[in-house]
Amino acid sequence: MKTNFINSVFTSIIFLLIAGCASMTQAPSAPPSATVSIREWSAAYYGSATAGKGTLNYNGQRHRFTISGVGVGGAGGQKISATGKVYNLNNLPSFSGTYHGISRGLTLIEGKMHAKLTNGNGVVMYLAGETEGLASSMGAQAFEVNLTD
């Protein structure tokens, strides 16, 4: 009985947070400084771990990077393929660093995700993508992004 109550409360909180964060993960209509594409894998059970790689398209050149992170909120496992817009990127070295942000998504075999991530240099990434697996994600996350070339 107590477990059902706790699960019901947790589920209700997740839905309220997803609804509240819907507008927070929308990219501005202004032209971005760059674009990204990311492939990552995540596993979660109230806490989460993520690892992957991506490509940054900046000033007509492609740059590869790795991404790894931890977070709170969510459960399950999923593969994520996302693209996004990058804002406030004034020079290439500013892209690397620790990004903090929020994400939301639900995967039941296939699903969607949205995230807004900001690093200490003021660079902001707005991501949207497709997911595969069985997972729910909603919460705060921190990602380490490092250029590899």
N, C-alpha and C. Protein backbone atom coordinates (compact mmCIF):
# COMPACT_ATOMS: atom_id res chain seq x y z
N MET A 1 0.82 -1.19 0.00
CA MET A 1 0.00 0.00 0.00
C MET A 1 0.87 1.26 0.00
N LYS A 2 1.87 1.28 0.88
CA LYS A 2 2.75 2.44 0.97
C LYS A 2 3.53 2.63 -0.33
N THR A 3 3.99 1.53 -0.94
CA THR A 3 4.74 1.61 -2.19
C THR A 3 3.86 2.17 -3.31
N ASN A 4 2.61 1.76 -3.39
CA ASN A 4 1.70 2.28 -4.42
C ASN A 4 1.48 3.78 -4.24
N PHE A 5 1.34 4.23 -3.01
CA PHE A 5 1.16 5.65 -2.74
C PHE A 5 2.39 6.44 -3.19
N ILE A 6 3.58 5.94 -2.84
CA ILE A 6 4.81 6.63 -3.22
C ILE A 6 4.96 6.66 -4.73
N ASN A 7 4.68 5.56 -5.41
CA ASN A 7 4.75 5.54 -6.88
C ASN A 7 3.75 6.50 -7.50
N SER A 8 2.55 6.60 -6.94
CA SER A 8 1.54 7.53 -7.45
C SER A 8 1.99 8.98 -7.29
N VAL A 9 2.55 9.29 -6.13
CA VAL A 9 3.03 10.65 -5.89
C VAL A 9 4.18 10.97 -6.84
N PHE A 10 5.12 10.04 -6.99
CA PHE A 10 6.26 10.26 -7.89
C PHE A 10 5.78 10.48 -9.32
N THR A 11 4.85 9.66 -9.79
CA THR A 11 4.31 9.80 -11.14
C THR A 11 3.62 11.15 -11.32
N SER A 12 2.86 11.58 -10.35
CA SER A 12 2.18 12.88 -10.43
C SER A 12 3.18 14.02 -10.50
N ILE A 13 4.24 13.94 -9.71
CA ILE A 13 5.26 14.99 -9.73
C ILE A 13 5.94 15.04 -11.09
N ILE A 14 6.25 13.89 -11.66
CA ILE A 14 6.89 13.84 -12.98
C ILE A 14 6.02 14.53 -14.03
N PHE A 15 4.73 14.23 -14.06
CA PHE A 15 3.84 14.84 -15.05
C PHE A 15 3.73 16.35 -14.85
N LEU A 16 3.69 16.82 -13.62
CA LEU A 16 3.64 18.26 -13.36
C LEU A 16 4.93 18.94 -13.80
N LEU A 17 6.06 18.32 -13.53
CA LEU A 17 7.33 18.90 -13.95
C LEU A 17 7.46 18.94 -15.46
N ILE A 18 7.04 17.88 -16.14
CA ILE A 18 7.10 17.87 -17.60
C ILE A 18 6.24 18.99 -18.17
N ALA A 19 5.05 19.15 -17.64
CA ALA A 19 4.18 20.23 -18.12
C ALA A 19 4.79 21.59 -17.86
N GLY A 20 5.38 21.77 -16.69
CA GLY A 20 5.97 23.06 -16.33
C GLY A 20 7.21 23.39 -17.11
N CYS A 21 7.94 22.40 -17.56
CA CYS A 21 9.20 22.63 -18.27
C CYS A 21 9.03 22.65 -19.78
N ALA A 22 7.86 22.44 -20.28
CA ALA A 22 7.64 22.36 -21.72
C ALA A 22 8.16 23.59 -22.43
N SER A 23 7.86 24.78 -21.94
CA SER A 23 8.28 26.00 -22.62
C SER A 23 9.74 26.34 -22.35
N MET A 24 10.34 25.76 -21.32
CA MET A 24 11.72 26.08 -20.98
C MET A 24 12.72 25.42 -21.92
N THR A 25 12.29 24.44 -22.72
CA THR A 25 13.20 23.75 -23.62
C THR A 25 12.99 24.14 -25.08
N GLN A 26 12.30 25.23 -25.33
CA GLN A 26 12.05 25.71 -26.69
C GLN A 26 13.15 26.70 -27.09
N ALA A 27 13.77 26.48 -28.26
CA ALA A 27 14.82 27.37 -28.75
C ALA A 27 14.24 28.70 -29.18
N PRO A 28 15.01 29.79 -29.01
CA PRO A 28 14.54 31.10 -29.49
C PRO A 28 14.45 31.11 -31.02
N SER A 29 13.75 32.07 -31.57
CA SER A 29 13.61 32.15 -33.02
C SER A 29 14.81 32.83 -33.68
N ALA A 30 15.73 33.39 -32.91
CA ALA A 30 16.92 34.04 -33.46
C ALA A 30 17.83 33.01 -34.13
N PRO A 31 18.64 33.44 -35.11
CA PRO A 31 19.56 32.51 -35.75
C PRO A 31 20.59 31.98 -34.74
N PRO A 32 20.89 30.68 -34.78
CA PRO A 32 21.86 30.12 -33.84
C PRO A 32 23.30 30.42 -34.26
N SER A 33 24.23 30.29 -33.32
CA SER A 33 25.66 30.42 -33.61
C SER A 33 26.19 29.17 -34.30
N ALA A 34 25.58 28.02 -34.00
CA ALA A 34 26.04 26.73 -34.53
C ALA A 34 24.90 25.73 -34.39
N THR A 35 25.11 24.53 -34.93
CA THR A 35 24.17 23.43 -34.74
C THR A 35 24.94 22.20 -34.26
N VAL A 36 24.22 21.27 -33.64
CA VAL A 36 24.83 20.04 -33.16
C VAL A 36 23.96 18.85 -33.52
N SER A 37 24.59 17.69 -33.60
CA SER A 37 23.87 16.42 -33.65
C SER A 37 24.56 15.51 -32.64
N ILE A 38 23.77 14.76 -31.89
CA ILE A 38 24.29 13.95 -30.79
C ILE A 38 23.67 12.57 -30.83
N ARG A 39 24.48 11.56 -30.52
CA ARG A 39 24.01 10.19 -30.28
C ARG A 39 24.51 9.82 -28.90
N GLU A 40 23.59 9.44 -28.02
CA GLU A 40 24.00 9.08 -26.67
C GLU A 40 23.13 7.96 -26.13
N TRP A 41 23.62 7.33 -25.07
CA TRP A 41 22.91 6.25 -24.41
C TRP A 41 22.78 6.63 -22.95
N SER A 42 21.63 6.35 -22.35
CA SER A 42 21.45 6.68 -20.94
C SER A 42 20.74 5.55 -20.22
N ALA A 43 21.02 5.48 -18.93
CA ALA A 43 20.36 4.54 -18.04
C ALA A 43 20.01 5.32 -16.77
N ALA A 44 18.83 5.03 -16.22
CA ALA A 44 18.40 5.78 -15.04
C ALA A 44 17.54 4.94 -14.12
N TYR A 45 17.68 5.21 -12.87
CA TYR A 45 16.77 4.72 -11.84
C TYR A 45 16.82 5.78 -10.74
N TYR A 46 16.02 6.81 -10.88
CA TYR A 46 15.97 8.01 -10.05
C TYR A 46 17.22 8.87 -10.25
N GLY A 47 18.37 8.29 -10.47
CA GLY A 47 19.59 8.96 -10.89
C GLY A 47 19.87 8.47 -12.29
N SER A 48 20.68 9.20 -13.07
CA SER A 48 20.94 8.79 -14.44
C SER A 48 22.40 8.96 -14.81
N ALA A 49 22.83 8.18 -15.79
CA ALA A 49 24.17 8.29 -16.36
C ALA A 49 24.02 8.27 -17.88
N THR A 50 24.82 9.10 -18.55
CA THR A 50 24.72 9.26 -19.99
C THR A 50 26.12 9.30 -20.60
N ALA A 51 26.26 8.72 -21.79
CA ALA A 51 27.53 8.80 -22.53
C ALA A 51 27.20 8.83 -24.02
N GLY A 52 28.01 9.56 -24.78
CA GLY A 52 27.79 9.61 -26.22
C GLY A 52 28.79 10.48 -26.93
N LYS A 53 28.47 10.76 -28.19
CA LYS A 53 29.34 11.59 -29.01
C LYS A 53 28.49 12.43 -29.94
N GLY A 54 29.12 13.46 -30.50
CA GLY A 54 28.36 14.33 -31.37
C GLY A 54 29.23 15.10 -32.33
N THR A 55 28.55 15.90 -33.14
CA THR A 55 29.21 16.76 -34.13
C THR A 55 28.69 18.17 -33.98
N LEU A 56 29.61 19.12 -33.89
CA LEU A 56 29.29 20.55 -33.84
C LEU A 56 29.58 21.14 -35.21
N ASN A 57 28.61 21.83 -35.80
CA ASN A 57 28.79 22.55 -37.07
C ASN A 57 28.91 24.04 -36.74
N TYR A 58 30.14 24.56 -36.84
CA TYR A 58 30.42 25.94 -36.43
C TYR A 58 31.31 26.61 -37.47
N ASN A 59 30.89 27.75 -37.95
CA ASN A 59 31.64 28.53 -38.96
C ASN A 59 32.01 27.68 -40.17
N GLY A 60 31.08 26.86 -40.64
CA GLY A 60 31.29 26.07 -41.83
C GLY A 60 32.18 24.86 -41.65
N GLN A 61 32.57 24.55 -40.42
CA GLN A 61 33.41 23.38 -40.16
C GLN A 61 32.74 22.45 -39.17
N ARG A 62 33.08 21.16 -39.31
CA ARG A 62 32.53 20.14 -38.41
C ARG A 62 33.57 19.79 -37.36
N HIS A 63 33.15 19.73 -36.13
CA HIS A 63 34.03 19.39 -35.02
C HIS A 63 33.36 18.28 -34.21
N ARG A 64 34.12 17.24 -33.88
CA ARG A 64 33.58 16.13 -33.09
C ARG A 64 33.78 16.40 -31.61
N PHE A 65 32.85 15.85 -30.81
CA PHE A 65 32.97 15.99 -29.36
C PHE A 65 32.39 14.77 -28.67
N THR A 66 32.77 14.61 -27.41
CA THR A 66 32.19 13.57 -26.57
C THR A 66 31.32 14.25 -25.53
N ILE A 67 30.34 13.49 -25.03
CA ILE A 67 29.44 14.01 -24.00
C ILE A 67 29.20 12.90 -22.98
N SER A 68 29.30 13.24 -21.72
CA SER A 68 29.00 12.28 -20.65
C SER A 68 28.37 13.07 -19.51
N GLY A 69 27.50 12.40 -18.77
CA GLY A 69 26.83 13.15 -17.72
C GLY A 69 26.14 12.30 -16.69
N VAL A 70 25.64 13.01 -15.68
CA VAL A 70 24.86 12.42 -14.60
C VAL A 70 23.67 13.33 -14.35
N GLY A 71 22.63 12.76 -13.73
CA GLY A 71 21.46 13.57 -13.44
C GLY A 71 20.58 12.94 -12.39
N VAL A 72 19.50 13.63 -12.08
CA VAL A 72 18.50 13.12 -11.15
C VAL A 72 17.16 13.13 -11.86
N GLY A 73 16.35 12.14 -11.55
CA GLY A 73 15.03 12.04 -12.16
C GLY A 73 15.03 11.08 -13.32
N GLY A 74 14.04 10.21 -13.35
CA GLY A 74 13.89 9.30 -14.47
C GLY A 74 14.12 7.86 -14.09
N ALA A 75 13.78 6.99 -15.04
CA ALA A 75 13.97 5.55 -14.85
C ALA A 75 13.99 4.90 -16.22
N GLY A 76 14.80 3.83 -16.37
CA GLY A 76 14.83 3.07 -17.60
C GLY A 76 16.13 3.24 -18.36
N GLY A 77 16.14 2.79 -19.62
CA GLY A 77 17.30 2.90 -20.49
C GLY A 77 16.86 3.30 -21.88
N GLN A 78 17.69 4.10 -22.55
CA GLN A 78 17.31 4.56 -23.87
C GLN A 78 18.52 4.98 -24.69
N LYS A 79 18.34 4.94 -26.01
CA LYS A 79 19.29 5.49 -26.97
C LYS A 79 18.67 6.77 -27.49
N ILE A 80 19.47 7.83 -27.56
CA ILE A 80 18.97 9.15 -27.96
C ILE A 80 19.71 9.62 -29.20
N SER A 81 18.97 10.08 -30.20
CA SER A 81 19.51 10.73 -31.38
C SER A 81 18.88 12.11 -31.42
N ALA A 82 19.71 13.15 -31.19
CA ALA A 82 19.17 14.51 -31.09
C ALA A 82 19.92 15.47 -31.99
N THR A 83 19.24 16.51 -32.39
CA THR A 83 19.85 17.63 -33.09
C THR A 83 19.47 18.88 -32.33
N GLY A 84 20.23 19.94 -32.54
CA GLY A 84 19.90 21.14 -31.82
C GLY A 84 20.59 22.38 -32.33
N LYS A 85 20.22 23.48 -31.70
CA LYS A 85 20.78 24.79 -32.02
C LYS A 85 21.63 25.25 -30.84
N VAL A 86 22.73 25.92 -31.17
CA VAL A 86 23.66 26.42 -30.17
C VAL A 86 23.66 27.94 -30.25
N TYR A 87 23.55 28.58 -29.10
CA TYR A 87 23.53 30.04 -29.02
C TYR A 87 24.68 30.54 -28.15
N ASN A 88 25.11 31.77 -28.39
CA ASN A 88 26.15 32.45 -27.61
C ASN A 88 27.52 31.80 -27.75
N LEU A 89 27.77 31.11 -28.84
CA LEU A 89 29.09 30.52 -29.08
C LEU A 89 29.91 31.52 -29.89
N ASN A 90 30.82 32.22 -29.20
CA ASN A 90 31.62 33.26 -29.84
C ASN A 90 32.97 32.77 -30.32
N ASN A 91 33.46 31.65 -29.76
CA ASN A 91 34.70 31.04 -30.21
C ASN A 91 34.65 29.55 -29.89
N LEU A 92 35.37 28.76 -30.65
CA LEU A 92 35.30 27.30 -30.54
C LEU A 92 35.64 26.78 -29.14
N PRO A 93 36.69 27.26 -28.47
CA PRO A 93 37.00 26.73 -27.14
C PRO A 93 35.88 26.91 -26.11
N SER A 94 35.01 27.88 -26.30
CA SER A 94 33.89 28.11 -25.37
C SER A 94 32.87 26.98 -25.38
N PHE A 95 32.89 26.15 -26.41
CA PHE A 95 31.92 25.06 -26.51
C PHE A 95 32.16 23.98 -25.46
N SER A 96 33.42 23.65 -25.21
CA SER A 96 33.74 22.62 -24.21
C SER A 96 33.43 23.11 -22.81
N GLY A 97 33.12 22.18 -21.92
CA GLY A 97 32.87 22.53 -20.54
C GLY A 97 31.74 21.72 -19.94
N THR A 98 31.35 22.11 -18.75
CA THR A 98 30.26 21.44 -18.05
C THR A 98 28.96 22.17 -18.32
N TYR A 99 28.00 21.44 -18.86
CA TYR A 99 26.67 21.98 -19.15
C TYR A 99 25.70 21.52 -18.07
N HIS A 100 24.84 22.42 -17.63
CA HIS A 100 23.78 22.10 -16.68
C HIS A 100 22.45 22.40 -17.35
N GLY A 101 21.44 21.67 -16.97
CA GLY A 101 20.15 21.98 -17.55
C GLY A 101 19.08 21.01 -17.14
N ILE A 102 17.98 21.11 -17.87
CA ILE A 102 16.82 20.26 -17.64
C ILE A 102 16.48 19.53 -18.91
N SER A 103 15.90 18.37 -18.76
CA SER A 103 15.44 17.62 -19.91
C SER A 103 14.11 16.98 -19.56
N ARG A 104 13.39 16.59 -20.60
CA ARG A 104 12.13 15.90 -20.40
C ARG A 104 11.92 14.97 -21.57
N GLY A 105 11.28 13.85 -21.28
CA GLY A 105 10.98 12.92 -22.35
C GLY A 105 10.36 11.64 -21.82
N LEU A 106 9.73 10.91 -22.72
CA LEU A 106 9.13 9.63 -22.39
C LEU A 106 9.37 8.70 -23.56
N THR A 107 9.91 7.51 -23.26
CA THR A 107 10.19 6.52 -24.29
C THR A 107 9.47 5.23 -23.94
N LEU A 108 8.56 4.83 -24.79
CA LEU A 108 7.91 3.53 -24.72
C LEU A 108 8.15 2.90 -26.08
N ILE A 109 9.25 2.24 -26.24
CA ILE A 109 9.80 1.70 -27.46
C ILE A 109 10.42 2.85 -28.28
N GLU A 110 9.61 3.82 -28.68
CA GLU A 110 10.10 5.01 -29.36
C GLU A 110 9.48 6.23 -28.69
N GLY A 111 10.21 7.34 -28.67
CA GLY A 111 9.67 8.53 -28.04
C GLY A 111 10.40 9.78 -28.47
N LYS A 112 10.18 10.85 -27.73
CA LYS A 112 10.76 12.16 -28.02
C LYS A 112 11.43 12.69 -26.76
N MET A 113 12.42 13.58 -26.95
CA MET A 113 13.06 14.25 -25.83
C MET A 113 13.35 15.69 -26.21
N HIS A 114 13.43 16.54 -25.18
CA HIS A 114 13.78 17.95 -25.33
C HIS A 114 14.69 18.33 -24.17
N ALA A 115 15.69 19.16 -24.44
CA ALA A 115 16.59 19.59 -23.38
C ALA A 115 17.12 20.98 -23.67
N LYS A 116 17.41 21.70 -22.60
CA LYS A 116 18.10 22.99 -22.66
C LYS A 116 19.30 22.87 -21.74
N LEU A 117 20.51 23.07 -22.30
CA LEU A 117 21.75 22.94 -21.54
C LEU A 117 22.57 24.21 -21.67
N THR A 118 23.14 24.68 -20.56
CA THR A 118 23.95 25.90 -20.54
C THR A 118 25.28 25.61 -19.86
N ASN A 119 26.40 26.09 -20.44
CA ASN A 119 27.69 25.91 -19.77
C ASN A 119 28.15 27.21 -19.10
N GLY A 120 29.28 27.13 -18.41
CA GLY A 120 29.81 28.28 -17.66
C GLY A 120 30.26 29.42 -18.54
N ASN A 121 30.44 29.19 -19.84
CA ASN A 121 30.83 30.25 -20.77
C ASN A 121 29.62 30.95 -21.37
N GLY A 122 28.41 30.56 -20.95
CA GLY A 122 27.19 31.17 -21.47
C GLY A 122 26.67 30.53 -22.75
N VAL A 123 27.31 29.46 -23.21
CA VAL A 123 26.85 28.76 -24.42
C VAL A 123 25.61 27.95 -24.04
N VAL A 124 24.58 28.04 -24.88
CA VAL A 124 23.31 27.36 -24.62
C VAL A 124 22.99 26.43 -25.78
N MET A 125 22.65 25.18 -25.46
CA MET A 125 22.21 24.21 -26.47
C MET A 125 20.75 23.87 -26.22
N TYR A 126 19.95 23.95 -27.27
CA TYR A 126 18.56 23.49 -27.24
C TYR A 126 18.50 22.24 -28.10
N LEU A 127 18.16 21.10 -27.50
CA LEU A 127 18.16 19.83 -28.19
C LEU A 127 16.75 19.26 -28.31
N ALA A 128 16.49 18.59 -29.40
CA ALA A 128 15.25 17.84 -29.60
C ALA A 128 15.63 16.57 -30.33
N GLY A 129 15.00 15.45 -29.95
CA GLY A 129 15.39 14.23 -30.61
C GLY A 129 14.44 13.08 -30.43
N GLU A 130 14.84 11.98 -31.02
CA GLU A 130 14.12 10.72 -30.97
C GLU A 130 14.80 9.80 -29.98
N THR A 131 14.02 8.99 -29.29
CA THR A 131 14.55 8.04 -28.33
C THR A 131 14.05 6.63 -28.65
N GLU A 132 14.84 5.65 -28.25
CA GLU A 132 14.45 4.24 -28.39
C GLU A 132 14.75 3.56 -27.07
N GLY A 133 13.82 2.75 -26.59
CA GLY A 133 14.03 2.02 -25.35
C GLY A 133 12.78 2.08 -24.50
N LEU A 134 12.98 2.04 -23.20
CA LEU A 134 11.89 2.13 -22.24
C LEU A 134 12.37 3.01 -21.10
N ALA A 135 11.94 4.28 -21.07
CA ALA A 135 12.44 5.21 -20.06
C ALA A 135 11.54 6.42 -19.94
N SER A 136 11.60 7.04 -18.78
CA SER A 136 11.04 8.37 -18.58
C SER A 136 12.17 9.23 -18.06
N SER A 137 12.25 10.45 -18.53
CA SER A 137 13.29 11.35 -18.07
C SER A 137 12.69 12.71 -17.80
N MET A 138 13.05 13.24 -16.68
CA MET A 138 12.63 14.59 -16.30
C MET A 138 13.50 14.96 -15.12
N GLY A 139 14.26 16.00 -15.27
CA GLY A 139 15.04 16.41 -14.13
C GLY A 139 16.26 17.20 -14.52
N ALA A 140 17.06 17.49 -13.50
CA ALA A 140 18.28 18.26 -13.68
C ALA A 140 19.42 17.34 -14.08
N GLN A 141 20.28 17.85 -14.94
CA GLN A 141 21.40 17.05 -15.41
C GLN A 141 22.64 17.92 -15.55
N ALA A 142 23.81 17.28 -15.50
CA ALA A 142 25.09 17.93 -15.76
C ALA A 142 25.84 17.07 -16.76
N PHE A 143 26.37 17.70 -17.81
CA PHE A 143 27.08 17.00 -18.87
C PHE A 143 28.46 17.62 -19.06
N GLU A 144 29.44 16.77 -19.25
CA GLU A 144 30.78 17.22 -19.60
C GLU A 144 30.94 17.06 -21.10
N VAL A 145 31.23 18.15 -21.80
CA VAL A 145 31.39 18.15 -23.25
C VAL A 145 32.84 18.52 -23.57
N ASN A 146 33.48 17.68 -24.39
CA ASN A 146 34.88 17.90 -24.76
C ASN A 146 35.07 17.73 -26.26
N LEU A 147 35.63 18.75 -26.92
CA LEU A 147 35.97 18.63 -28.33
C LEU A 147 37.08 17.60 -28.46
N THR A 148 37.00 16.76 -29.50
CA THR A 148 38.00 15.72 -29.69
C THR A 148 38.91 15.96 -30.89
N ASP A 149 38.62 16.97 -31.69
CA ASP A 149 39.54 17.29 -32.82
C ASP A 149 39.77 18.76 -32.93
